[in-house]
Protein backbone atom coordinates (compact mmCIF):
# COMPACT_ATOMS: atom_id res chain seq x y z
CA MET A 1 78.05 42.09 3.14
CA ALA A 2 78.97 45.40 2.51
CA LEU A 3 80.80 44.66 -0.94
CA PHE A 4 77.14 42.94 -1.71
CA ASN A 5 74.81 45.65 -0.70
CA HIS A 6 77.35 48.19 -2.86
CA ALA A 7 76.70 45.26 -6.07
CA VAL A 8 73.17 45.27 -5.17
CA THR A 9 72.47 48.99 -5.49
CA TRP A 10 74.72 49.79 -8.39
CA LEU A 11 73.10 47.14 -10.19
CA ARG A 12 69.65 48.71 -9.74
CA ARG A 13 71.38 52.41 -10.22
CA ARG A 14 71.49 50.85 -14.11
CA ARG A 15 68.42 48.43 -14.03
CA VAL A 16 70.30 45.73 -14.89
CA LEU A 17 68.67 42.51 -14.05
CA LEU A 18 70.10 41.26 -10.84
CA PRO A 19 71.39 37.74 -10.87
CA GLY A 20 70.87 35.35 -8.39
CA VAL A 21 72.06 35.60 -4.79
CA SER A 22 74.33 33.10 -4.84
CA VAL A 23 75.91 34.33 -8.26
CA LEU A 24 76.37 37.55 -6.86
CA ALA A 25 77.62 35.93 -4.05
CA ARG A 26 80.56 34.29 -5.60
CA GLN A 27 81.31 36.97 -8.11
CA VAL A 28 82.24 39.35 -5.02
CA SER A 29 83.91 36.56 -3.30
CA GLU A 30 85.85 36.44 -6.21
CA ALA A 31 86.40 40.23 -6.24
CA ARG A 32 87.97 39.85 -2.83
CA THR A 33 90.01 37.20 -3.74
CA ALA A 34 91.88 38.83 -6.70
CA ALA A 35 91.74 42.53 -4.70
CA GLU A 36 93.77 40.96 -1.31
CA ARG A 37 95.89 38.60 -3.69
CA ARG A 38 96.89 42.20 -5.36
CA LEU A 39 97.45 43.75 -1.83
CA TYR A 40 99.13 40.70 -0.99
CA GLU A 41 101.58 41.02 -4.31
CA ALA A 42 102.39 44.89 -3.92
CA VAL A 43 103.63 44.50 0.22
CA ALA A 44 105.90 41.34 -0.93
CA ARG A 45 107.12 42.83 -4.43
CA ALA A 46 108.19 46.06 -2.54
CA ALA A 47 110.35 43.90 0.52
CA ASP A 48 111.95 42.30 -2.25
CA ARG A 49 112.91 45.76 -3.65
CA ALA A 50 114.45 47.28 -0.85
CA ASP A 51 116.44 43.69 1.01
CA PRO A 52 116.03 40.18 -1.54
CA ALA A 53 117.02 38.74 1.89
CA LEU A 54 114.36 40.73 3.99
CA ALA A 55 111.68 37.73 3.40
CA PRO A 56 113.91 35.03 4.74
CA ALA A 57 114.95 37.29 7.20
CA LEU A 58 111.62 37.58 8.54
CA ALA A 59 110.59 33.85 7.43
CA ALA A 60 112.82 33.05 10.29
CA LEU A 61 110.87 35.14 12.72
CA LEU A 62 108.20 31.59 12.60
CA GLU A 63 111.59 29.31 13.83
CA VAL A 64 111.11 27.92 17.10
CA PRO A 65 114.73 28.21 18.78
CA GLU A 66 116.17 24.93 20.41
CA GLY A 67 115.00 24.74 23.95
CA ARG A 68 112.47 27.53 23.87
CA ARG A 69 108.90 27.35 23.86
CA VAL A 70 107.87 29.72 21.34
CA SER A 71 109.06 31.41 18.21
CA GLU A 72 110.84 34.63 17.67
CA LEU A 73 108.08 36.00 16.07
CA GLU A 74 105.77 35.29 19.61
CA ARG A 75 108.81 36.37 21.33
CA LEU A 76 108.90 40.00 20.01
CA ARG A 77 105.43 40.29 19.91
CA THR A 78 105.42 40.16 23.88
CA PRO A 79 105.21 43.44 25.41
CA PRO A 80 106.80 43.93 28.83
CA VAL A 81 105.46 42.91 31.66
CA LYS A 82 107.01 43.45 34.73
CA THR A 83 108.28 47.29 35.99
CA THR A 84 111.26 46.72 36.85
CA GLY A 85 115.07 46.81 35.12
CA THR A 86 115.70 43.73 33.56
CA ALA A 87 112.08 44.07 31.90
CA MET A 88 113.01 47.21 30.67
CA VAL A 89 116.58 46.13 29.46
CA ARG A 90 114.71 43.11 27.80
CA ALA A 91 112.15 46.44 26.48
CA MET A 92 114.57 48.48 24.99
CA GLU A 93 116.76 44.90 23.39
CA ARG A 94 113.06 44.62 21.77
CA VAL A 95 113.14 47.59 20.00
CA GLU A 96 116.72 47.34 18.58
CA GLU A 97 116.05 43.69 17.42
CA ILE A 98 112.79 45.26 15.24
CA SER A 99 114.37 48.02 14.22
CA ALA A 100 117.31 45.83 12.96
CA PHE A 101 114.86 44.74 9.65
CA ALA A 102 114.70 48.17 9.16
CA LEU A 103 111.10 48.10 7.67
CA GLY A 104 111.34 51.53 7.04
CA ARG A 105 113.36 51.48 3.76
CA VAL A 106 110.23 49.06 2.56
CA ASN A 107 108.56 51.60 0.14
CA LEU A 108 104.19 51.01 0.63
CA SER A 109 102.97 54.47 -0.14
CA ARG A 110 101.00 53.34 -2.83
CA VAL A 111 99.27 50.08 -0.70
CA PRO A 112 96.02 52.16 1.49
CA VAL A 113 96.85 52.32 5.23
CA ASN A 114 94.04 51.09 6.37
CA ARG A 115 94.39 47.73 4.26
CA LEU A 116 97.70 47.73 5.38
CA SER A 117 96.60 48.25 9.18
CA THR A 118 93.93 45.32 8.91
CA LEU A 119 97.08 42.96 7.37
CA ALA A 120 99.03 43.66 10.27
CA ARG A 121 96.22 43.26 12.66
CA TYR A 122 95.07 40.13 11.57
CA GLY A 123 99.21 38.92 11.57
CA GLN A 124 99.06 40.10 15.31
CA LEU A 125 96.46 37.76 15.71
CA SER A 126 97.42 34.51 13.90
CA LYS A 127 99.77 32.20 15.40
CA ALA A 128 103.16 31.91 14.09
CA GLN A 129 102.02 28.09 12.57
CA THR A 130 99.59 29.75 10.81
CA ILE A 131 101.38 32.53 9.41
CA GLU A 132 103.85 29.89 8.56
CA ARG A 133 101.56 27.72 6.39
CA ALA A 134 100.65 30.97 4.94
CA PRO A 135 101.37 30.29 0.84
CA GLU A 136 103.92 33.25 -1.08
CA PRO A 137 103.53 36.39 -0.96
CA ARG A 138 100.99 36.35 1.59
CA ARG A 139 103.57 35.24 4.34
CA THR A 140 105.76 37.43 3.83
CA ALA A 141 103.23 39.83 3.02
CA LEU A 142 101.84 39.20 6.64
CA LEU A 143 105.08 39.16 8.30
CA THR A 144 105.96 42.29 6.78
CA ALA A 145 102.83 44.63 8.15
CA VAL A 146 103.65 43.09 11.68
CA VAL A 147 107.07 43.63 12.46
CA ARG A 148 106.35 47.14 10.50
CA GLN A 149 103.78 47.25 13.72
CA LEU A 150 105.55 45.67 15.89
CA GLU A 151 108.18 48.51 15.45
CA ALA A 152 105.98 51.67 16.46
CA GLN A 153 104.25 49.47 18.93
CA ALA A 154 107.99 48.29 20.16
CA VAL A 155 108.81 51.71 20.85
CA ASP A 156 105.86 52.57 22.72
CA ASP A 157 105.76 49.71 25.32
CA ALA A 158 109.60 51.26 26.24
CA LEU A 159 108.63 54.15 26.70
CA ASP A 160 104.98 53.49 28.27
CA LEU A 161 107.58 50.79 31.03
CA PHE A 162 109.86 53.25 31.41
CA ALA A 163 107.67 56.24 32.20
CA LEU A 164 105.69 53.61 34.50
CA LEU A 165 109.44 53.24 36.55
CA MET A 166 110.52 56.78 36.49
CA ALA A 167 106.71 56.81 38.36
CA THR A 168 106.95 54.01 40.99
CA ARG A 169 110.99 54.58 41.30
CA LEU A 170 111.75 58.11 41.34
CA ILE A 171 108.58 60.36 41.14
CA SER A 172 106.62 58.64 43.96
CA PRO A 173 109.49 58.58 46.69
CA ALA A 174 111.04 61.69 46.30
CA ARG A 175 107.38 62.98 46.68
CA ARG A 176 106.79 60.97 49.80
CA ALA A 177 110.38 61.57 51.01
CA SER A 178 109.45 65.48 50.20
CA ASP A 179 106.28 65.32 52.39
CA ARG A 180 107.89 63.99 55.35
CA ASP A 181 110.93 66.51 55.15
CA ARG A 182 108.24 69.02 55.26
CA LEU A 183 105.79 67.44 57.82
CA ALA A 184 109.42 67.13 59.96
CA MET A 185 109.70 71.10 59.67
CA LEU A 186 105.82 71.60 60.92
CA PRO A 187 106.49 72.18 64.52
CA GLN A 188 109.62 74.38 63.86
CA LEU A 189 106.97 76.76 61.57
CA GLU A 190 104.08 76.83 64.82
CA LYS A 191 106.40 77.71 66.82
CA ALA A 192 107.88 80.58 65.19
CA ALA A 193 103.82 81.19 63.59
CA ARG A 194 103.05 81.30 67.32
CA VAL A 195 105.75 83.87 68.09
CA LEU A 196 105.56 85.80 65.19
CA ALA A 197 101.71 86.07 65.99
CA LYS A 198 102.15 87.58 69.60
CA ALA A 199 104.35 90.14 68.74
CA SER A 200 101.77 90.74 65.45
CA LYS A 201 99.41 91.50 67.65
CA ILE A 202 101.59 93.93 70.11
CA LEU A 203 102.27 96.10 67.27
CA THR A 204 99.60 96.09 65.60
CA GLU A 205 97.11 97.46 68.17
CA GLU A 206 100.00 99.53 69.50
CA LEU A 207 100.32 101.46 65.40
CA ASP A 208 96.33 101.76 65.70
CA LEU A 209 96.18 103.54 69.04
CA VAL A 210 99.38 105.54 67.75
CA ALA A 211 97.03 106.65 64.88
CA GLU A 212 93.81 107.51 66.93
CA ALA A 213 96.15 109.69 69.31
CA GLY A 214 98.08 111.72 66.63
CA THR A 215 100.73 111.66 68.43
CA ASP A 216 104.41 110.67 67.35
CA LEU A 217 105.85 106.78 66.93
CA ASP A 218 108.21 106.22 70.19
CA ILE A 219 110.27 102.86 68.76
CA ALA A 220 111.62 102.43 72.08
CA ALA A 221 108.29 102.29 73.51
CA LEU A 222 106.93 99.96 70.70
CA TRP A 223 109.79 97.29 71.31
CA ALA A 224 109.33 97.73 75.18
CA SER A 225 105.34 96.55 74.59
CA VAL A 226 106.65 93.65 72.23
CA GLU A 227 109.35 92.22 74.38
CA GLU A 228 106.72 91.98 77.75
CA ALA A 229 105.04 89.28 75.89
CA VAL A 230 108.42 88.05 73.54
CA PRO A 231 111.37 88.39 73.93
CA ARG A 232 113.37 90.28 71.03
CA THR A 233 115.73 87.66 70.73
CA ALA A 234 112.85 85.09 70.01
CA VAL A 235 111.13 87.45 67.17
CA ALA A 236 114.37 87.42 66.06
CA GLY A 237 115.04 83.97 65.95
CA ALA A 238 111.19 82.79 64.40
CA VAL A 239 111.52 85.26 61.63
CA ALA A 240 115.20 83.26 60.90
CA THR A 241 113.36 80.61 61.08
CA VAL A 242 110.95 81.21 58.34
CA GLU A 243 112.81 82.33 55.82
CA ALA A 244 115.36 79.15 56.09
CA LEU A 245 112.13 77.31 55.81
CA VAL A 246 109.39 79.11 53.54
CA PRO A 247 111.49 80.06 50.44
CA GLU A 248 110.18 83.27 48.82
CA GLU A 249 109.16 82.18 45.45
CA ASP A 250 106.15 80.04 44.42
CA GLY A 251 105.96 76.74 44.15
CA SER A 252 108.84 75.54 46.74
CA ALA A 253 106.67 72.54 47.71
CA GLU A 254 107.56 71.09 43.94
CA ALA A 255 110.79 72.73 43.92
CA ALA A 256 111.72 70.81 46.89
CA MET A 257 110.05 67.31 45.35
CA ARG A 258 112.55 67.83 42.22
CA GLU A 259 115.75 68.26 44.61
CA LYS A 260 114.81 64.89 46.18
CA LEU A 261 114.64 63.91 42.76
CA ALA A 262 117.95 64.48 42.19
CA LEU A 263 118.90 62.52 45.24
CA ARG A 264 117.45 58.92 43.35
CA TYR A 265 118.91 59.74 40.32
CA ASN A 266 121.65 56.38 40.81
CA THR A 267 117.47 54.51 40.40
CA VAL A 268 116.77 55.18 37.11
CA ARG A 269 120.36 56.17 35.67
CA PRO A 270 120.72 53.15 33.43
CA PHE A 271 117.16 53.31 32.14
CA LEU A 272 118.28 57.01 31.02
CA SER A 273 121.44 55.92 29.04
CA LEU A 274 119.97 52.46 27.16
CA LEU A 275 117.20 55.73 26.18
CA GLY A 276 119.77 57.98 25.00
CA GLU A 277 121.73 55.39 23.02
CA SER A 278 118.45 53.70 21.20
CA ASP A 279 118.68 54.54 17.22
CA THR A 280 115.13 53.93 17.03
CA LEU A 281 114.36 57.64 18.66
CA ASP A 282 113.23 60.06 16.03
CA ALA A 283 111.52 63.90 16.26
CA ALA A 284 109.97 65.60 14.46
CA PRO A 285 111.56 69.63 14.03
CA ALA A 286 109.77 70.89 17.02
CA GLY A 287 111.32 67.83 19.34
CA ARG A 288 114.39 67.90 18.13
CA ARG A 289 115.79 70.12 20.67
CA ILE A 290 114.69 67.24 23.40
CA LEU A 291 115.76 64.46 21.00
CA LYS A 292 119.31 66.31 21.38
CA ALA A 293 119.21 66.74 25.13
CA VAL A 294 118.31 62.68 25.71
CA ARG A 295 121.28 62.01 23.35
CA ARG A 296 123.62 63.71 25.86
CA LEU A 297 121.88 61.35 28.24
CA PRO A 298 124.64 58.90 28.22
CA ALA A 299 127.76 60.92 27.70
CA LEU A 300 126.63 63.19 31.45
CA SER A 301 126.06 59.72 33.01
CA ARG A 302 129.51 58.70 32.69
CA ARG A 303 131.01 62.13 33.08
CA ARG A 304 132.89 62.73 36.61
CA VAL A 305 131.19 65.78 37.97
CA LYS A 306 133.13 66.14 41.27
CA ASP A 307 136.87 66.41 39.13
CA ARG A 308 134.86 68.20 35.69
CA PRO A 309 131.35 70.55 37.17
CA LEU A 310 129.41 71.04 34.34
CA LEU A 311 128.57 74.60 33.99
CA PRO A 312 125.45 76.45 32.76
CA ARG A 313 126.75 76.85 29.51
CA GLU A 314 126.50 73.38 28.67
CA VAL A 315 123.37 73.49 29.84
CA ASP A 316 119.97 74.39 27.39
CA ALA A 317 118.12 76.77 29.92
CA GLU A 318 115.20 77.50 28.45
CA ARG A 319 114.74 73.63 28.52
CA VAL A 320 114.61 73.18 31.66
CA PRO A 321 111.42 74.21 33.47
CA ALA A 322 110.50 76.60 35.50
CA MET A 323 109.76 74.25 38.77
CA TRP A 324 114.21 72.44 37.87
CA LYS A 325 115.44 75.93 37.91
CA ARG A 326 116.11 75.67 41.97
CA ALA A 327 117.33 72.50 41.74
CA VAL A 328 119.69 72.84 38.55
CA PHE A 329 121.77 75.71 39.30
CA SER A 330 121.01 76.68 42.88
CA ASN A 331 122.55 73.61 44.82
CA ALA A 332 124.44 74.81 47.60
CA LYS A 333 126.41 71.91 47.95
CA LEU A 334 128.39 72.31 44.80
CA PRO A 335 130.89 75.01 43.75
CA GLN A 336 130.06 78.23 42.86
CA GLY A 337 127.77 78.39 39.12
CA ALA A 338 127.98 75.39 39.17
CA VAL A 339 124.87 72.65 37.44
CA ASP A 340 123.58 69.37 38.73
CA ARG A 341 124.07 66.73 36.95
CA ASP A 342 121.93 65.25 38.55
CA GLY A 343 118.75 67.37 38.60
CA GLU A 344 119.63 68.42 35.39
CA THR A 345 119.09 64.96 33.44
CA PRO A 346 115.84 64.47 35.06
CA ALA A 347 114.57 67.75 33.27
CA ALA A 348 115.27 66.46 29.96
CA GLY A 349 114.10 62.73 31.18
CA TYR A 350 110.21 64.04 30.57
CA GLY A 351 111.30 64.37 26.68
CA PRO A 352 110.90 61.52 24.90
CA PRO A 353 107.26 60.61 23.89
CA GLU A 354 107.23 64.35 22.86
CA ALA A 355 110.54 63.18 20.75
CA ILE A 356 108.42 60.39 18.80
CA ALA A 357 105.37 62.28 17.65
CA ARG A 358 105.54 62.06 14.31
CA ASN A 359 102.73 64.04 13.57
CA LYS A 360 101.67 67.77 13.69
CA VAL A 361 98.70 70.15 12.63
CA ASN A 362 98.85 71.28 9.29
CA LEU A 363 97.90 75.04 9.92
CA LYS A 364 98.43 76.00 6.30
CA ARG A 365 95.74 73.76 4.98
CA ILE A 366 93.32 74.67 7.59
CA GLU A 367 93.51 78.63 6.70
CA THR A 368 93.45 78.09 2.84
CA HIS A 369 89.97 76.27 3.39
CA TRP A 370 88.75 78.30 6.78
CA PRO A 371 85.89 80.46 4.89
CA ASP A 372 84.69 77.38 3.65
CA MET A 373 84.86 75.82 7.06
CA LEU A 374 82.87 78.97 8.70
CA ARG A 375 80.44 78.39 5.72
CA VAL A 376 79.68 74.83 6.23
CA ALA A 377 79.73 74.77 9.94
CA GLY A 378 76.64 78.44 9.68
CA SER A 379 74.78 76.19 7.58
CA LEU A 380 75.26 72.86 9.46
CA ILE A 381 73.71 75.27 12.27
CA THR A 382 70.94 77.01 10.71
CA ASN A 383 69.95 73.56 9.45
CA GLN A 384 70.09 74.97 5.27
CA VAL A 385 71.67 71.42 5.23
CA ARG A 386 71.67 67.77 6.01
CA ALA A 387 74.57 66.11 8.06
CA TYR A 388 74.36 63.09 5.12
CA ASP A 389 75.11 65.88 2.12
CA LEU A 390 78.16 67.22 4.45
CA LEU A 391 79.83 63.52 4.21
CA ARG A 392 78.99 64.01 0.80
CA MET A 393 80.97 66.83 0.66
CA PHE A 394 84.08 65.77 3.26
CA GLY A 395 84.63 62.18 1.33
CA ARG A 396 84.68 60.59 -1.73
CA GLU A 397 85.54 56.60 -2.80
CA GLY A 398 86.54 56.34 0.92
CA HIS A 399 88.86 59.23 0.20
CA PRO A 400 88.68 62.79 1.97
CA THR A 401 87.89 66.19 -0.54
CA PRO A 402 90.73 69.26 0.04
CA LEU A 403 87.95 70.58 2.73
CA GLY A 404 87.45 67.57 4.47
CA ALA A 405 90.54 66.86 5.52
CA ALA A 406 91.22 70.30 6.48
CA PHE A 407 88.41 69.81 8.91
CA ALA A 408 90.40 66.29 9.67
CA GLU A 409 93.70 68.69 10.20
CA TYR A 410 91.05 70.90 12.34
CA GLY A 411 90.15 67.91 14.52
CA ARG A 412 93.41 67.24 15.26
CA ILE A 413 93.86 70.12 17.78
CA ASP A 414 91.00 69.30 20.15
CA LYS A 415 92.34 65.81 19.93
CA THR A 416 95.41 66.52 21.49
CA MET A 417 93.72 69.17 23.63
CA HIS A 418 91.26 65.84 25.19
CA LEU A 419 94.65 63.33 24.89
CA LEU A 420 96.21 66.14 27.17
CA ALA A 421 93.05 67.18 30.14
CA LEU A 422 93.20 63.27 29.75
CA VAL A 423 96.34 62.36 30.62
CA ASP A 424 97.13 65.73 33.00
CA PRO A 425 98.83 63.96 35.97
CA VAL A 426 98.10 66.89 38.35
CA ASP A 427 94.14 68.15 37.46
CA ASP A 428 92.26 64.88 37.22
CA THR A 429 89.17 67.32 36.76
CA TYR A 430 88.57 66.19 33.07
CA ARG A 431 89.20 62.39 33.72
CA ARG A 432 86.43 62.23 35.88
CA LEU A 433 83.91 64.70 34.04
CA MET A 434 84.69 62.08 30.99
CA ASN A 435 83.75 59.15 33.97
CA ARG A 436 80.12 61.17 34.80
CA GLN A 437 79.35 61.33 30.81
CA LEU A 438 79.99 57.76 30.12
CA THR A 439 78.03 56.92 33.28
CA VAL A 440 75.67 58.87 32.25
CA GLN A 441 75.79 57.43 28.26
CA GLU A 442 75.85 53.42 29.85
CA SER A 443 72.30 54.01 32.35
CA ARG A 444 70.89 55.16 28.67
CA HIS A 445 71.80 51.82 27.54
CA ARG A 446 70.65 50.17 30.04
CA LEU A 447 66.99 51.96 29.93
CA ALA A 448 67.13 50.74 26.22
CA ARG A 449 68.30 47.36 26.84
CA ALA A 450 65.29 47.61 29.54
CA ILE A 451 63.18 48.78 27.43
CA CYS A 452 63.96 46.45 24.07
CA HIS A 453 61.39 42.82 24.11
CA GLY A 454 61.31 43.30 28.28
CA GLY A 455 65.14 42.96 28.73
CA ARG A 456 66.21 40.48 26.57
CA GLY A 457 67.16 43.72 24.37
CA GLN A 458 67.33 41.40 20.99
CA ILE A 459 66.64 42.92 17.87
CA ARG A 460 64.29 39.93 16.85
CA GLN A 461 63.37 41.01 12.97
CA ALA A 462 65.49 38.51 10.53
CA TYR A 463 65.07 42.05 7.74
CA ARG A 464 66.65 45.11 7.76
CA GLU A 465 63.50 47.47 7.25
CA GLY A 466 61.40 45.58 10.54
CA GLN A 467 65.50 46.57 12.38
CA GLU A 468 65.01 49.80 11.38
CA ASP A 469 61.63 50.25 12.70
CA GLN A 470 62.23 48.32 15.92
CA LEU A 471 64.82 50.45 16.15
CA ALA A 472 63.21 54.03 15.65
CA SER A 473 59.93 52.29 17.74
CA LEU A 474 62.76 51.90 20.47
CA GLY A 475 63.98 55.61 20.42
CA LEU A 476 60.73 56.72 20.56
CA VAL A 477 59.71 54.82 23.93
CA LEU A 478 62.74 55.81 25.07
CA ASN A 479 62.49 59.36 25.13
CA ALA A 480 58.88 59.11 26.18
CA VAL A 481 60.52 57.71 29.57
CA VAL A 482 63.05 60.10 29.89
CA LEU A 483 60.06 63.15 28.99
CA TRP A 484 57.79 61.63 31.45
CA ASN A 485 60.89 60.61 34.17
CA THR A 486 61.76 64.57 33.97
CA ARG A 487 58.46 66.21 33.86
CA TYR A 488 57.76 64.42 37.51
CA LEU A 489 61.36 64.81 38.34
CA ASP A 490 60.74 68.61 37.71
CA ALA A 491 57.36 68.47 39.73
CA ALA A 492 58.37 66.66 42.61
CA VAL A 493 61.34 68.84 42.81
CA ALA A 494 58.96 72.05 43.24
CA ARG A 495 56.63 70.71 45.58
CA LEU A 496 59.41 69.99 47.75
CA ARG A 497 60.59 73.03 48.18
CA ALA A 498 56.91 74.67 48.28
CA GLU A 499 56.76 72.46 51.57
CA GLY A 500 59.68 74.14 53.18
CA HIS A 501 62.90 71.67 51.67
CA ASP A 502 65.30 72.71 51.90
CA ILE A 503 66.85 71.50 47.89
CA LYS A 504 70.06 72.32 47.12
CA ASP A 505 70.42 72.94 43.56
CA GLU A 506 74.20 70.75 43.05
CA ASP A 507 72.11 68.09 44.65
CA VAL A 508 68.94 68.61 42.03
CA ALA A 509 71.85 68.51 39.31
CA ARG A 510 72.98 64.94 40.07
CA LEU A 511 68.71 63.62 39.27
CA SER A 512 68.95 60.94 36.60
CA PRO A 513 65.69 60.94 34.59
CA LEU A 514 67.10 57.57 33.12
CA LYS A 515 65.12 54.99 36.29
CA ASP A 516 63.11 52.49 35.35
CA ARG A 517 61.34 50.62 38.53
CA HIS A 518 58.11 52.51 38.62
CA ILE A 519 57.47 51.07 35.02
CA ASN A 520 56.09 48.09 33.68
CA PHE A 521 57.57 46.96 30.23
CA LEU A 522 55.85 43.87 30.13
CA GLY A 523 52.19 43.49 27.99
CA ARG A 524 50.95 45.66 26.53
CA TYR A 525 49.10 49.57 26.76
CA LEU A 526 46.59 51.25 25.19
CA PHE A 527 46.78 55.01 25.10
CA ASN A 528 44.45 57.30 25.33
CA ILE A 529 45.73 61.19 23.91
CA LYS A 530 42.57 63.19 24.91
CA ALA A 531 41.97 61.84 28.16
CA SER A 532 46.02 61.87 29.14
CA GLY A 533 46.70 65.65 27.39
CA PRO A 534 48.83 68.12 28.42
CA GLY A 535 45.63 70.09 29.51
CA GLN A 536 44.64 66.91 32.49
CA GLY A 537 47.88 68.03 33.68
CA LEU A 538 49.82 65.28 35.80
CA ARG A 539 48.82 62.36 37.81
CA PRO A 540 49.23 63.31 41.80
CA PHE A 541 52.58 62.50 43.68
CA ARG A 542 51.93 59.36 46.07
CA ASP A 543 51.61 59.49 49.38
CA PRO A 544 55.45 58.04 50.63
CA GLU A 545 53.87 57.46 54.10
CA ALA A 546 51.05 55.50 52.74
CA VAL A 547 51.25 51.18 52.78
CA GLU A 548 51.21 50.49 49.24
CA ASP A 549 51.05 46.30 47.64
CA ASP A 550 54.11 44.65 48.21
CA GLU A 551 55.95 43.65 43.81
CA ASP A 552 57.90 41.54 43.29
């Protein structure tokens, strides 16, 4: 339909007599068929250039092995569904099988990315029998696009499963064990705190008396006063208990939890070895350090640290986060100067997601176009240029202009910050804020559906101009309802406060003008602007204690 409309617009601009609808539709269909044929030929030709045996190998995926019920392609398309060690092993085997086709050597740089993505998406949703019945070169093109996309998906699935296993098998049990230990310490801390509180109270009172009297401090008398309430040995024991149970450094709870993580190293040891031995992982320059540490995991897991302790010079100390320092470098159970292998390995285990990040913001492109970007932003804010004209500046014929590409790079910064805040495992404030915004937006959609055609939410006009008129009218009525509700909500709150009710601002902030139970959407409405203008004021409020007729 979009191509058909574009063709009609092109003919009208050049004042060409429009042909019949069926003639133009047939020409559009032929153009699309020719474009698809060129796409299939280009992909299949690139695959053949990379390796003449690649197409037959891909076609073999459509066969159903003896004794199985699905084809090899369907098996490779199925992601892991269980959170178990066996599922992790199969996920890594799936990565290796798909990577064995080495589709990265197929040069598809001249094929538009969106066309290739559409082809892969169609192949992912098609049954193996449908792809098998497709003629050449379409079949080879579909299989190439599908397996190429599966290569990235398989790595993502394996890393997601690995992160889930780390959370369920390692982090959560370690956190529970750490919490149990801290709860077990609580009675000792409470007893020590009571002793120190008594001693501190007496000490403070005696020091205040000495300061008021202006006399010299008598240490013996001071201790005698303290020992009347608490023995000196009890005070020393309480101090020793607090020093042992409450470390001086910040984040002691997190550090203790990571020490418990190190004790559960054997639980995830096989998964770490599988990840380190995989040849499919790659990294951007900024992630090479993490990838190098991941590659060392198999050798570290096989090392007999009792015979050959891990030394500090063998560890990249800058890569170890601050919360892991105590668990890695200060294990009292190891020889002096030795590094805890079981603590150092999980500290490196958080890096693989960073190691596969292949995209990077092009800061040079942003710096080059920064003055123009500021001018565009200023023009848009001051209404000197229309948004439609800006969109035309950002792209031509489906391709971004240099200025548009600079804005796209700048947008990646905000997108990255958005994703990092969204997946933050500690602070869920951003996720809660997003959920609140989505709730508001969904409430607006619900109100629009209620207004549109008595709750049916349907656009019934069969032609484009009529649909645009209906949508514009819907937006006008929707805004009128929101304005009406907002004014009366504000007036109601002001009246309640004037009557002495305590109305908190945080409660007012949660009021929504997107309510419609008091509005009858059925029938026809006549509006008397003069009788209901701003000068007439608001309608009187209903008496909440008055008896009203029941409504359906």
